[in-house]
Amino acid sequence: MLGVLFAMLCNAIFLMGSHYLLKQPGGWVGIKDKNYYLEKQKNNKSWIGKFSKWINEFNLMASLRKISPNNEITYTALGVYFALCTITTMYTTQVELLGPNAQLMKIIYPFMLVTGTAMSLYPIWPLSVATSIKKTIIQIWYPIAIFYMLIFFSFFFIIVSKFAMLQTALFMMNLMIASLLLGWRLILPLIAIGFYSSVQFYQYYFGGESFIIHFGSPEFILLYLMLVVSLVLIIFLKPKQDYLEATEEKVETLETETVFLGHTNITLSEKVSDLKETVDYYDERDHQQQAEIDRLGATAQKILNNVNHELRLPIGNVMNFSEMLQDNLEKYDKEHLKIISKEVYQNSNRLSSMILNMLDLATLNANKLELDKKLVNLSEIVEDRVKLCRKVYLQDKSIDFKLTIQPEIMLSVDPNYFKQTIDNLVINAINFSEKGVIEITLKKDSKNVNFIISDQGKGIPPNEIYDVFTAFQEGSNTASKAQGRGVGLALCKAAIRAHGGDIEAESRKVGALIRFVIPV
């Protein structure tokens, strides 16, 4: 052996001497193409940086979650395999040859069987335990169980069985399975730790028996096989697992980018949603404005109809009777002059009332009415307005009036709007009645002034009772072809609301009833 080593040394000296001493061509001339060297250097720095980053960011639970399976079937299959390995070990180990040390096996075997059984039953662990707690327990226990079942105990039983071939083959299979489950980076240090701890455990328990490895001995063969397995793991598993890790990193990066894009999409969706809401808002406003324009157009048309019907007739009458008086005043006796002047007076009042209603139509909203309040006697106002309306509008109708008016009711109101309200209510009762009695009640209590007017005319259809206070809205049984009425009650409502009161209509079997209250 020494002669071989001496000969090899002489050849090396001669080779180097003939090249450098004799100055033969060739030899080491330095690195010409440094790209490969720089690339390797860059990769080394990158690897060192990644390793330092891994050390700084290392998280035990995150690492355990990463290497643990996501499905429950894997745990069940692993538990069944643990149980089979235990049974195989029990039948291949001659415990009776261990003598007094056999008591140890009565502890190890049940422990291994319990491990396999508990692992295989993981899907049906106590349902009362929270899922997160069960996952945490199995993730911590998973690599530990693989270590002591497939490495520590497996190698320990090889020593106990005096390196039996079946136990050795089972150990090699266990190493392959553990390598596939935990990865080459983790399994290599675990093999070394498991081998060392198994030897120490065996020597401690069996009284310090020596464990010496001789060339060609079973121990040497086993170590050689372990070295081969380690090399196989590095050669075959490392590239694949590196590829898987790189793929996982790319997937995580893509997931991060997807999440970012998702947040971006959510932000864009929120902006689009906000924009859509804005568009919908303006679209709704446009529809409302268009509806308002249509309503105003309809209102304008009704006003024109009112002007055409309600204004033209009294104006024409006033002009005709005035012309008659102007041209033939000396021809008419006192009685005829009285009749003509009465017609002029009535038509003038009708014209004045209609013009006032038209002027107040723009202020139907009670909040827009500007009141000029004064302390007035409401009892006198109601009596005077009823008397005036009877004189102008009753004409030849057979209608009686029944007044129940509490005297000397003093209240601060706008007299013009109050008079207009009484006029409109009385005129409506006269216009829509041909006969019967119109009852008017005015009284005051501690809180309100109450006014009630009822007639025995056409009445109001029950399904239209809430529309009579809308401008140009009449009951279907009272509307004229010219659409010339419907302003008076709307003005009444506006005036009463402006005074803080309320007004309502009531449908009756015969006629209608309208009441309003004004707070004191």
Protein backbone atom coordinates (compact mmCIF):
# COMPACT_ATOMS: atom_id res chain seq x y z
CA MET A 1 0.00 0.00 0.00
CA LEU A 2 2.80 2.37 0.89
CA GLY A 3 4.59 1.53 -2.36
CA VAL A 4 1.55 2.52 -4.37
CA LEU A 5 1.27 5.82 -2.58
CA PHE A 6 5.02 6.51 -3.07
CA ALA A 7 4.78 5.75 -6.81
CA MET A 8 1.81 8.13 -7.20
CA LEU A 9 3.74 10.86 -5.42
CA CYS A 10 6.76 10.39 -7.72
CA ASN A 11 4.59 10.62 -10.82
CA ALA A 12 3.02 13.84 -9.56
CA ILE A 13 6.46 15.41 -8.90
CA PHE A 14 7.75 14.37 -12.32
CA LEU A 15 4.65 15.74 -14.07
CA MET A 16 4.89 19.12 -12.40
CA GLY A 17 8.66 19.31 -12.82
CA SER A 18 8.62 18.44 -16.53
CA HIS A 19 6.02 21.11 -17.16
CA TYR A 20 7.35 24.05 -15.17
CA LEU A 21 11.10 23.27 -14.94
CA LEU A 22 11.41 22.33 -18.58
CA LYS A 23 9.03 25.19 -19.53
CA GLN A 24 6.70 23.04 -21.65
CA PRO A 25 3.65 24.75 -23.22
CA GLY A 26 0.24 24.61 -21.51
CA GLY A 27 -0.48 24.65 -17.82
CA TRP A 28 -2.34 27.12 -15.67
CA VAL A 29 -2.55 30.51 -17.36
CA GLY A 30 -5.40 32.05 -15.36
CA ILE A 31 -9.08 32.58 -16.17
CA LYS A 32 -9.62 34.02 -19.64
CA ASP A 33 -13.43 33.96 -19.84
CA LYS A 34 -14.64 35.33 -16.57
CA ASN A 35 -18.37 35.22 -17.42
CA TYR A 36 -18.82 31.75 -16.00
CA TYR A 37 -16.83 32.67 -12.90
CA LEU A 38 -18.84 35.88 -12.39
CA GLU A 39 -22.11 34.01 -12.87
CA LYS A 40 -21.08 31.45 -10.24
CA GLN A 41 -20.01 34.20 -7.90
CA LYS A 42 -23.34 35.94 -8.39
CA ASN A 43 -25.22 32.72 -7.71
CA ASN A 44 -23.20 32.12 -4.56
CA LYS A 45 -23.96 35.60 -3.30
CA SER A 46 -27.61 35.09 -4.18
CA TRP A 47 -27.65 31.79 -2.29
CA ILE A 48 -25.99 33.39 0.74
CA GLY A 49 -28.50 36.24 0.62
CA LYS A 50 -31.42 33.84 0.41
CA PHE A 51 -30.04 31.79 3.30
CA SER A 52 -29.59 34.90 5.44
CA LYS A 53 -33.10 36.03 4.57
CA TRP A 54 -34.44 32.58 5.47
CA ILE A 55 -32.66 32.71 8.83
CA ASN A 56 -34.01 36.18 9.62
CA GLU A 57 -37.56 35.42 8.49
CA PHE A 58 -37.73 31.87 9.82
CA ASN A 59 -41.04 30.98 11.41
CA LEU A 60 -41.43 27.53 12.91
CA MET A 61 -45.22 27.24 12.53
CA ALA A 62 -45.12 28.60 9.01
CA SER A 63 -42.47 25.99 8.11
CA LEU A 64 -44.51 23.22 9.73
CA ARG A 65 -47.62 24.29 7.84
CA LYS A 66 -45.64 24.29 4.62
CA ILE A 67 -44.37 20.70 4.94
CA SER A 68 -47.63 19.31 6.38
CA PRO A 69 -50.19 17.79 3.98
CA ASN A 70 -53.37 19.70 3.26
CA ASN A 71 -55.63 16.67 3.00
CA GLU A 72 -56.64 14.27 5.77
CA ILE A 73 -56.14 11.13 3.64
CA THR A 74 -52.35 11.53 3.78
CA TYR A 75 -52.39 11.42 7.59
CA THR A 76 -54.59 8.33 7.54
CA ALA A 77 -52.33 6.55 5.04
CA LEU A 78 -49.22 7.47 7.03
CA GLY A 79 -50.80 6.18 10.24
CA VAL A 80 -51.64 2.85 8.57
CA TYR A 81 -48.05 2.60 7.32
CA PHE A 82 -46.75 3.27 10.85
CA ALA A 83 -48.89 0.41 12.16
CA LEU A 84 -47.66 -1.99 9.43
CA CYS A 85 -44.03 -1.07 10.13
CA THR A 86 -44.58 -1.72 13.84
CA ILE A 87 -46.11 -5.14 13.19
CA THR A 88 -43.31 -6.04 10.76
CA THR A 89 -40.69 -4.98 13.29
CA MET A 90 -42.37 -7.03 16.01
CA TYR A 91 -42.17 -10.19 13.88
CA THR A 92 -38.61 -9.62 12.65
CA THR A 93 -37.07 -8.84 16.05
CA GLN A 94 -36.28 -11.78 18.31
CA VAL A 95 -37.15 -10.17 21.61
CA GLU A 96 -36.50 -13.33 23.60
CA LEU A 97 -32.79 -13.06 22.76
CA LEU A 98 -32.59 -9.69 24.53
CA GLY A 99 -33.01 -11.27 27.95
CA PRO A 100 -33.73 -8.77 30.70
CA ASN A 101 -33.63 -5.91 28.16
CA ALA A 102 -36.81 -7.25 26.51
CA GLN A 103 -38.90 -5.17 28.94
CA LEU A 104 -38.00 -2.10 26.86
CA MET A 105 -39.91 -3.49 23.90
CA LYS A 106 -43.11 -3.65 25.95
CA ILE A 107 -42.92 0.14 26.08
CA ILE A 108 -41.72 0.87 22.54
CA TYR A 109 -44.18 -1.40 20.66
CA PRO A 110 -47.37 0.01 22.26
CA PHE A 111 -46.02 3.52 21.77
CA MET A 112 -45.48 2.85 18.05
CA LEU A 113 -48.91 1.24 17.67
CA VAL A 114 -50.61 4.14 19.45
CA THR A 115 -48.79 6.56 17.12
CA GLY A 116 -49.98 4.71 14.02
CA THR A 117 -53.54 4.38 15.30
CA ALA A 118 -53.84 8.03 16.37
CA MET A 119 -52.41 9.25 13.06
CA SER A 120 -54.75 7.05 11.01
CA LEU A 121 -57.79 8.26 13.00
CA TYR A 122 -56.99 11.97 12.56
CA PRO A 123 -60.13 12.68 10.44
CA ILE A 124 -62.34 11.57 13.35
CA TRP A 125 -60.48 13.18 16.22
CA PRO A 126 -62.91 14.54 18.88
CA LEU A 127 -65.36 16.82 17.14
CA SER A 128 -65.58 19.02 20.23
CA VAL A 129 -62.00 20.19 19.58
CA ALA A 130 -61.80 23.24 17.34
CA THR A 131 -60.56 22.60 13.81
CA SER A 132 -57.76 25.16 14.16
CA ILE A 133 -56.46 23.42 17.30
CA LYS A 134 -56.52 20.00 15.62
CA LYS A 135 -54.62 21.37 12.63
CA THR A 136 -51.98 22.96 14.88
CA ILE A 137 -51.48 19.71 16.81
CA ILE A 138 -51.15 17.53 13.68
CA GLN A 139 -48.82 20.01 11.98
CA ILE A 140 -46.44 19.95 14.95
CA TRP A 141 -46.70 16.19 15.48
CA TYR A 142 -46.35 15.23 11.78
CA PRO A 143 -42.54 15.75 11.30
CA ILE A 144 -41.81 14.54 14.86
CA ALA A 145 -43.71 11.30 14.28
CA ILE A 146 -41.90 10.73 10.97
CA PHE A 147 -38.55 11.25 12.71
CA TYR A 148 -39.01 8.83 15.58
CA MET A 149 -41.05 6.24 13.64
CA LEU A 150 -39.20 6.07 10.32
CA ILE A 151 -35.67 7.05 11.37
CA PHE A 152 -34.95 6.73 15.10
CA PHE A 153 -36.88 3.54 15.93
CA SER A 154 -36.20 2.03 12.51
CA PHE A 155 -32.42 2.33 12.87
CA PHE A 156 -32.62 1.31 16.55
CA PHE A 157 -34.30 -1.96 15.59
CA ILE A 158 -31.61 -2.60 12.96
CA ILE A 159 -29.03 -2.56 15.75
CA VAL A 160 -31.26 -4.67 18.00
CA SER A 161 -31.84 -7.23 15.24
CA LYS A 162 -28.08 -7.43 14.56
CA PHE A 163 -28.51 -5.87 11.11
CA ALA A 164 -31.11 -8.32 9.82
CA MET A 165 -31.66 -7.95 6.07
CA LEU A 166 -35.46 -7.51 6.31
CA GLN A 167 -35.13 -4.81 8.96
CA THR A 168 -32.42 -3.09 6.91
CA ALA A 169 -34.59 -3.15 3.79
CA LEU A 170 -37.49 -1.73 5.83
CA PHE A 171 -35.19 1.03 7.09
CA MET A 172 -34.16 1.93 3.53
CA MET A 173 -37.82 2.13 2.51
CA ASN A 174 -38.58 4.28 5.54
CA LEU A 175 -35.81 6.68 4.55
CA MET A 176 -37.19 7.01 1.04
CA ILE A 177 -40.72 7.69 2.34
CA ALA A 178 -39.46 10.19 4.92
CA SER A 179 -37.43 11.94 2.21
CA LEU A 180 -40.46 12.25 -0.03
CA LEU A 181 -42.61 13.58 2.81
CA LEU A 182 -40.18 16.05 4.42
CA GLY A 183 -37.84 17.03 1.58
CA TRP A 184 -34.11 16.58 1.17
CA ARG A 185 -33.09 19.67 3.15
CA LEU A 186 -34.81 18.47 6.30
CA ILE A 187 -34.27 14.72 5.93
CA LEU A 188 -30.45 14.85 5.67
CA PRO A 189 -29.89 16.41 9.12
CA LEU A 190 -32.65 14.20 10.55
CA ILE A 191 -30.88 11.06 9.26
CA ALA A 192 -27.64 12.13 10.93
CA ILE A 193 -29.42 13.02 14.17
CA GLY A 194 -31.46 9.83 14.10
CA PHE A 195 -28.41 7.65 13.45
CA TYR A 196 -26.42 9.23 16.25
CA SER A 197 -29.27 9.27 18.79
CA SER A 198 -30.19 5.63 18.01
CA VAL A 199 -26.62 4.49 18.62
CA GLN A 200 -26.42 6.47 21.85
CA PHE A 201 -29.76 5.13 23.04
CA TYR A 202 -28.75 1.56 22.25
CA GLN A 203 -25.39 1.89 24.03
CA TYR A 204 -27.02 3.55 27.05
CA TYR A 205 -29.80 1.00 27.44
CA PHE A 206 -27.73 -2.10 26.73
CA GLY A 207 -24.95 -1.27 29.17
CA GLY A 208 -22.52 0.63 26.99
CA GLU A 209 -21.80 -2.07 24.42
CA SER A 210 -19.34 -0.88 21.85
CA PHE A 211 -20.52 -0.07 18.37
CA ILE A 212 -17.41 -0.42 16.23
CA ILE A 213 -17.57 -0.32 12.43
CA HIS A 214 -15.18 -2.67 10.56
CA PHE A 215 -14.59 -2.77 6.84
CA GLY A 216 -17.03 -5.30 5.35
CA SER A 217 -19.05 -5.55 8.53
CA PRO A 218 -22.87 -5.13 8.51
CA GLU A 219 -22.40 -1.77 10.15
CA PHE A 220 -20.07 -0.66 7.34
CA ILE A 221 -22.51 -1.92 4.69
CA LEU A 222 -25.37 -0.10 6.39
CA LEU A 223 -23.44 3.16 6.52
CA TYR A 224 -22.46 2.69 2.92
CA LEU A 225 -26.13 2.18 1.98
CA MET A 226 -27.09 5.26 3.97
CA LEU A 227 -24.46 7.25 2.08
CA VAL A 228 -25.80 5.93 -1.21
CA VAL A 229 -29.35 6.80 -0.21
CA SER A 230 -28.28 10.30 0.79
CA LEU A 231 -26.56 10.78 -2.55
CA VAL A 232 -29.63 9.47 -4.36
CA LEU A 233 -31.78 11.89 -2.41
CA ILE A 234 -29.53 14.79 -3.33
CA ILE A 235 -29.19 13.74 -6.99
CA PHE A 236 -32.80 12.88 -7.71
CA LEU A 237 -34.92 14.72 -5.17
CA LYS A 238 -33.04 18.01 -4.93
CA PRO A 239 -33.71 19.21 -8.52
CA LYS A 240 -37.35 18.20 -8.36
CA GLN A 241 -37.95 19.77 -4.97
CA ASP A 242 -36.04 22.90 -5.98
CA TYR A 243 -38.26 23.07 -9.03
CA LEU A 244 -41.35 22.62 -6.87
CA GLU A 245 -40.17 25.31 -4.47
CA ALA A 246 -39.46 27.68 -7.34
CA THR A 247 -42.89 26.90 -8.73
CA GLU A 248 -44.47 27.58 -5.32
CA GLU A 249 -42.61 30.88 -5.10
CA LYS A 250 -43.90 31.83 -8.53
CA VAL A 251 -47.39 30.77 -7.50
CA GLU A 252 -47.13 32.85 -4.32
CA THR A 253 -45.86 35.77 -6.37
CA LEU A 254 -48.71 35.34 -8.82
CA GLU A 255 -51.16 35.04 -5.93
CA THR A 256 -49.75 38.25 -4.45
CA GLU A 257 -50.02 39.95 -7.82
CA THR A 258 -53.50 38.49 -8.23
CA VAL A 259 -54.49 39.79 -4.82
CA PHE A 260 -53.02 43.17 -5.75
CA LEU A 261 -54.84 43.09 -9.06
CA GLY A 262 -57.90 41.91 -7.18
CA HIS A 263 -57.64 44.92 -4.87
CA THR A 264 -57.06 47.09 -7.93
CA ASN A 265 -60.08 45.55 -9.61
CA ILE A 266 -62.09 46.05 -6.42
CA THR A 267 -60.96 49.68 -6.34
CA LEU A 268 -61.85 50.07 -10.01
CA SER A 269 -65.14 48.29 -9.38
CA GLU A 270 -65.85 50.64 -6.49
CA LYS A 271 -65.02 53.61 -8.70
CA VAL A 272 -67.21 52.22 -11.48
CA SER A 273 -69.95 51.57 -8.92
CA ASP A 274 -69.61 55.12 -7.59
CA LEU A 275 -69.66 56.46 -11.14
CA LYS A 276 -72.71 54.34 -11.91
CA GLU A 277 -74.44 55.65 -8.78
CA THR A 278 -73.58 59.19 -9.88
CA VAL A 279 -74.93 58.51 -13.37
CA ASP A 280 -78.04 56.91 -11.90
CA TYR A 281 -78.45 59.90 -9.59
CA TYR A 282 -78.25 62.41 -12.43
CA ASP A 283 -80.40 60.17 -14.60
CA GLU A 284 -83.01 60.08 -11.86
CA ARG A 285 -82.78 63.83 -11.48
CA ASP A 286 -83.17 64.19 -15.23
CA HIS A 287 -86.29 62.02 -15.12
CA GLN A 288 -87.61 64.01 -12.18
CA GLN A 289 -86.92 67.28 -13.97
CA GLN A 290 -88.55 65.94 -17.11
CA ALA A 291 -91.55 64.83 -15.05
CA GLU A 292 -91.62 68.30 -13.44
CA ILE A 293 -91.47 69.90 -16.88
CA ASP A 294 -94.34 67.67 -18.04
CA ARG A 295 -96.29 68.53 -14.88
CA LEU A 296 -95.66 72.23 -15.35
CA GLY A 297 -96.67 71.90 -18.97
CA ALA A 298 -99.89 70.22 -17.91
CA THR A 299 -100.38 72.90 -15.25
CA ALA A 300 -99.82 75.60 -17.83
CA GLN A 301 -102.37 73.96 -20.10
CA LYS A 302 -104.87 73.80 -17.25
CA ILE A 303 -104.19 77.44 -16.45
CA LEU A 304 -104.83 78.31 -20.06
CA ASN A 305 -108.06 76.31 -19.93
CA ASN A 306 -108.97 78.16 -16.74
CA VAL A 307 -108.18 81.49 -18.33
CA ASN A 308 -110.14 80.55 -21.42
CA HIS A 309 -113.18 79.34 -19.48
CA GLU A 310 -113.25 81.14 -16.15
CA LEU A 311 -111.91 84.51 -17.25
CA ARG A 312 -113.40 84.91 -20.71
CA LEU A 313 -117.00 84.41 -19.58
CA PRO A 314 -117.09 87.00 -16.78
CA ILE A 315 -114.99 89.43 -18.79
CA GLY A 316 -117.38 89.05 -21.71
CA ASN A 317 -120.39 89.52 -19.46
CA VAL A 318 -118.92 92.63 -17.86
CA MET A 319 -118.05 94.09 -21.26
CA ASN A 320 -121.50 93.30 -22.73
CA PHE A 321 -123.45 94.76 -19.82
CA SER A 322 -121.17 97.77 -19.70
CA GLU A 323 -121.76 98.34 -23.41
CA MET A 324 -125.50 98.04 -22.88
CA LEU A 325 -125.38 100.64 -20.15
CA GLN A 326 -123.20 102.95 -22.19
CA ASP A 327 -125.32 102.86 -25.35
CA ASN A 328 -128.84 102.62 -23.90
CA LEU A 329 -128.66 103.97 -20.39
CA GLU A 330 -131.66 106.31 -20.90
CA LYS A 331 -133.82 103.48 -22.30
CA TYR A 332 -133.69 101.25 -19.15
CA ASP A 333 -135.89 101.75 -16.20
CA LYS A 334 -134.74 101.37 -12.59
CA GLU A 335 -135.55 97.67 -12.42
CA HIS A 336 -133.57 96.80 -15.55
CA LEU A 337 -130.62 98.86 -14.39
CA LYS A 338 -130.64 96.99 -11.11
CA ILE A 339 -130.53 93.62 -12.93
CA ILE A 340 -127.67 94.74 -15.24
CA SER A 341 -125.63 96.20 -12.38
CA LYS A 342 -126.12 92.99 -10.40
CA GLU A 343 -124.75 90.92 -13.31
CA VAL A 344 -121.77 93.24 -13.65
CA TYR A 345 -121.12 92.99 -9.92
CA GLN A 346 -121.37 89.19 -9.83
CA ASN A 347 -119.15 88.68 -12.84
CA SER A 348 -116.63 91.17 -11.51
CA ASN A 349 -116.46 89.29 -8.20
CA ARG A 350 -116.09 86.01 -10.00
CA LEU A 351 -113.34 87.50 -12.15
CA SER A 352 -111.57 88.98 -9.11
CA SER A 353 -111.68 85.68 -7.23
CA MET A 354 -110.25 83.76 -10.20
CA ILE A 355 -107.46 86.26 -10.77
CA LEU A 356 -106.45 86.10 -7.09
CA ASN A 357 -106.40 82.32 -7.25
CA MET A 358 -104.20 82.41 -10.32
CA LEU A 359 -101.81 84.86 -8.70
CA ASP A 360 -101.53 82.69 -5.59
CA LEU A 361 -101.08 79.51 -7.57
CA ALA A 362 -97.30 80.03 -7.68
CA THR A 363 -97.20 79.99 -3.86
CA LEU A 364 -99.13 76.77 -3.23
CA ASN A 365 -96.30 75.47 -1.04
CA ALA A 366 -97.12 76.54 2.51
CA ASN A 367 -93.47 77.18 3.25
CA LYS A 368 -93.37 79.85 0.57
CA LEU A 369 -96.47 81.79 1.61
CA GLU A 370 -95.54 85.08 3.23
CA LEU A 371 -98.10 85.79 5.92
CA ASP A 372 -99.01 89.26 7.21
CA LYS A 373 -100.62 88.28 10.48
CA LYS A 374 -102.96 90.56 12.41
CA LEU A 375 -105.23 90.04 15.38
CA VAL A 376 -108.72 89.82 13.84
CA ASN A 377 -112.22 88.72 14.78
CA LEU A 378 -112.68 85.41 12.92
CA SER A 379 -116.36 85.25 13.79
CA GLU A 380 -117.09 88.49 11.93
CA ILE A 381 -114.93 87.49 8.95
CA VAL A 382 -116.76 84.18 8.49
CA GLU A 383 -120.19 85.82 8.75
CA ASP A 384 -119.26 88.56 6.27
CA ARG A 385 -117.70 86.15 3.72
CA VAL A 386 -120.68 83.77 3.86
CA LYS A 387 -123.05 86.69 3.37
CA LEU A 388 -121.06 87.97 0.39
CA CYS A 389 -120.76 84.52 -1.27
CA ARG A 390 -124.50 83.90 -0.88
CA LYS A 391 -125.22 87.23 -2.55
CA VAL A 392 -122.87 86.63 -5.50
CA TYR A 393 -122.96 82.87 -6.15
CA LEU A 394 -126.23 81.51 -4.78
CA GLN A 395 -128.37 82.97 -7.56
CA ASP A 396 -131.65 81.00 -7.85
CA LYS A 397 -130.54 77.79 -6.08
CA SER A 398 -132.73 76.47 -3.26
CA ILE A 399 -129.98 76.21 -0.67
CA ASP A 400 -130.33 77.17 2.97
CA PHE A 401 -127.47 78.11 5.26
CA LYS A 402 -127.16 77.04 8.89
CA LEU A 403 -124.48 78.95 10.77
CA THR A 404 -123.15 77.97 14.20
CA ILE A 405 -120.53 80.59 14.92
CA GLN A 406 -119.04 81.20 18.34
CA PRO A 407 -118.85 84.98 18.82
CA GLU A 408 -115.74 87.04 19.34
CA ILE A 409 -113.10 84.50 18.32
CA MET A 410 -109.94 86.57 18.22
CA LEU A 411 -106.82 85.11 16.54
CA SER A 412 -103.67 86.36 14.87
CA VAL A 413 -103.90 85.33 11.18
CA ASP A 414 -103.35 86.77 7.73
CA PRO A 415 -106.83 88.22 7.04
CA ASN A 416 -106.48 88.13 3.26
CA TYR A 417 -105.57 84.42 3.13
CA PHE A 418 -108.20 83.57 5.75
CA LYS A 419 -110.91 85.39 3.78
CA GLN A 420 -109.79 83.66 0.58
CA THR A 421 -109.97 80.27 2.32
CA ILE A 422 -113.52 80.87 3.58
CA ASP A 423 -114.58 82.17 0.14
CA ASN A 424 -113.23 79.12 -1.68
CA LEU A 425 -114.87 76.65 0.72
CA VAL A 426 -118.25 78.39 0.58
CA ILE A 427 -118.11 78.87 -3.20
CA ASN A 428 -117.28 75.17 -3.69
CA ALA A 429 -120.20 74.14 -1.49
CA ILE A 430 -122.57 76.39 -3.49
CA ASN A 431 -121.26 75.38 -6.91
CA PHE A 432 -121.55 71.62 -6.28
CA SER A 433 -124.97 71.78 -4.61
CA GLU A 434 -128.35 72.34 -6.22
CA LYS A 435 -130.45 72.22 -3.06
CA GLY A 436 -130.33 71.26 0.59
CA VAL A 437 -128.52 72.88 3.50
CA ILE A 438 -124.97 74.16 3.85
CA GLU A 439 -123.91 74.00 7.50
CA ILE A 440 -121.01 76.09 8.76
CA THR A 441 -119.55 75.78 12.26
CA LEU A 442 -116.82 77.93 13.82
CA LYS A 443 -115.76 77.38 17.42
CA LYS A 444 -112.70 77.71 19.62
CA ASP A 445 -111.32 75.47 22.35
CA SER A 446 -108.22 75.68 24.53
CA LYS A 447 -105.90 74.59 21.74
CA ASN A 448 -107.45 75.20 18.31
CA VAL A 449 -109.93 77.10 16.24
CA ASN A 450 -112.16 74.62 14.40
CA PHE A 451 -114.04 75.35 11.17
CA ILE A 452 -116.46 72.85 9.54
CA ILE A 453 -118.49 73.22 6.36
CA SER A 454 -120.79 70.54 4.98
CA ASP A 455 -123.20 70.43 2.05
CA GLN A 456 -125.75 68.12 0.46
CA GLY A 457 -124.39 68.28 -3.07
CA LYS A 458 -122.55 65.84 -5.35
CA GLY A 459 -119.96 64.88 -2.73
CA ILE A 460 -116.50 63.38 -3.26
CA PRO A 461 -115.82 59.78 -4.42
CA PRO A 462 -114.14 57.91 -1.50
CA ASN A 463 -111.17 56.82 -3.62
CA GLU A 464 -110.47 60.45 -4.56
CA ILE A 465 -110.76 61.98 -1.10
CA TYR A 466 -106.98 62.60 -0.77
CA ASP A 467 -106.63 64.28 -4.17
CA VAL A 468 -109.13 67.13 -3.81
CA PHE A 469 -106.48 69.46 -2.33
CA THR A 470 -104.18 69.02 -5.34
CA ALA A 471 -104.12 71.88 -7.84
CA PHE A 472 -106.54 71.36 -10.75
CA GLN A 473 -107.64 68.03 -9.28
CA GLU A 474 -111.36 67.46 -8.90
CA GLY A 475 -113.63 64.55 -8.21
CA SER A 476 -114.55 62.58 -11.30
CA ASN A 477 -118.22 63.42 -10.68
CA THR A 478 -117.63 67.19 -10.65
CA ALA A 479 -114.94 67.88 -13.26
CA SER A 480 -115.99 70.13 -16.12
CA LYS A 481 -114.89 69.70 -19.71
CA ALA A 482 -112.94 72.91 -19.55
CA GLN A 483 -110.97 71.75 -16.50
CA GLY A 484 -111.71 75.15 -15.06
CA ARG A 485 -111.83 74.36 -11.36
CA GLY A 486 -109.54 72.71 -8.79
CA VAL A 487 -107.43 75.68 -7.70
CA GLY A 488 -109.47 76.85 -4.73
CA LEU A 489 -108.99 73.86 -2.41
CA ALA A 490 -105.26 73.72 -3.15
CA LEU A 491 -104.99 77.36 -2.05
CA CYS A 492 -107.01 76.58 1.07
CA LYS A 493 -104.59 73.82 2.04
CA ALA A 494 -101.57 76.06 1.43
CA ALA A 495 -103.01 78.87 3.54
CA ILE A 496 -104.04 76.63 6.46
CA ARG A 497 -100.68 74.83 6.47
CA ALA A 498 -98.92 78.21 6.47
CA HIS A 499 -100.79 79.08 9.67
CA GLY A 500 -99.60 75.81 11.27
CA GLY A 501 -102.97 74.10 10.90
CA ASP A 502 -104.37 71.19 8.98
CA ILE A 503 -107.28 70.61 6.61
CA GLU A 504 -109.09 67.47 5.55
CA ALA A 505 -112.08 66.34 3.51
CA GLU A 506 -114.65 63.69 4.34
CA SER A 507 -116.87 61.77 1.96
CA ARG A 508 -120.50 61.37 3.06
CA LYS A 509 -123.52 59.54 1.71
CA VAL A 510 -124.98 62.90 0.70
CA GLY A 511 -122.60 65.75 -0.01
CA ALA A 512 -119.16 66.42 1.45
CA LEU A 513 -117.62 67.80 4.62
CA ILE A 514 -114.42 69.80 4.95
CA ARG A 515 -112.85 70.84 8.23
CA PHE A 516 -109.74 72.73 9.19
CA VAL A 517 -108.05 73.57 12.49
CA ILE A 518 -105.69 76.43 13.30
CA PRO A 519 -103.72 76.34 16.56
CA VAL A 520 -104.39 79.15 19.00
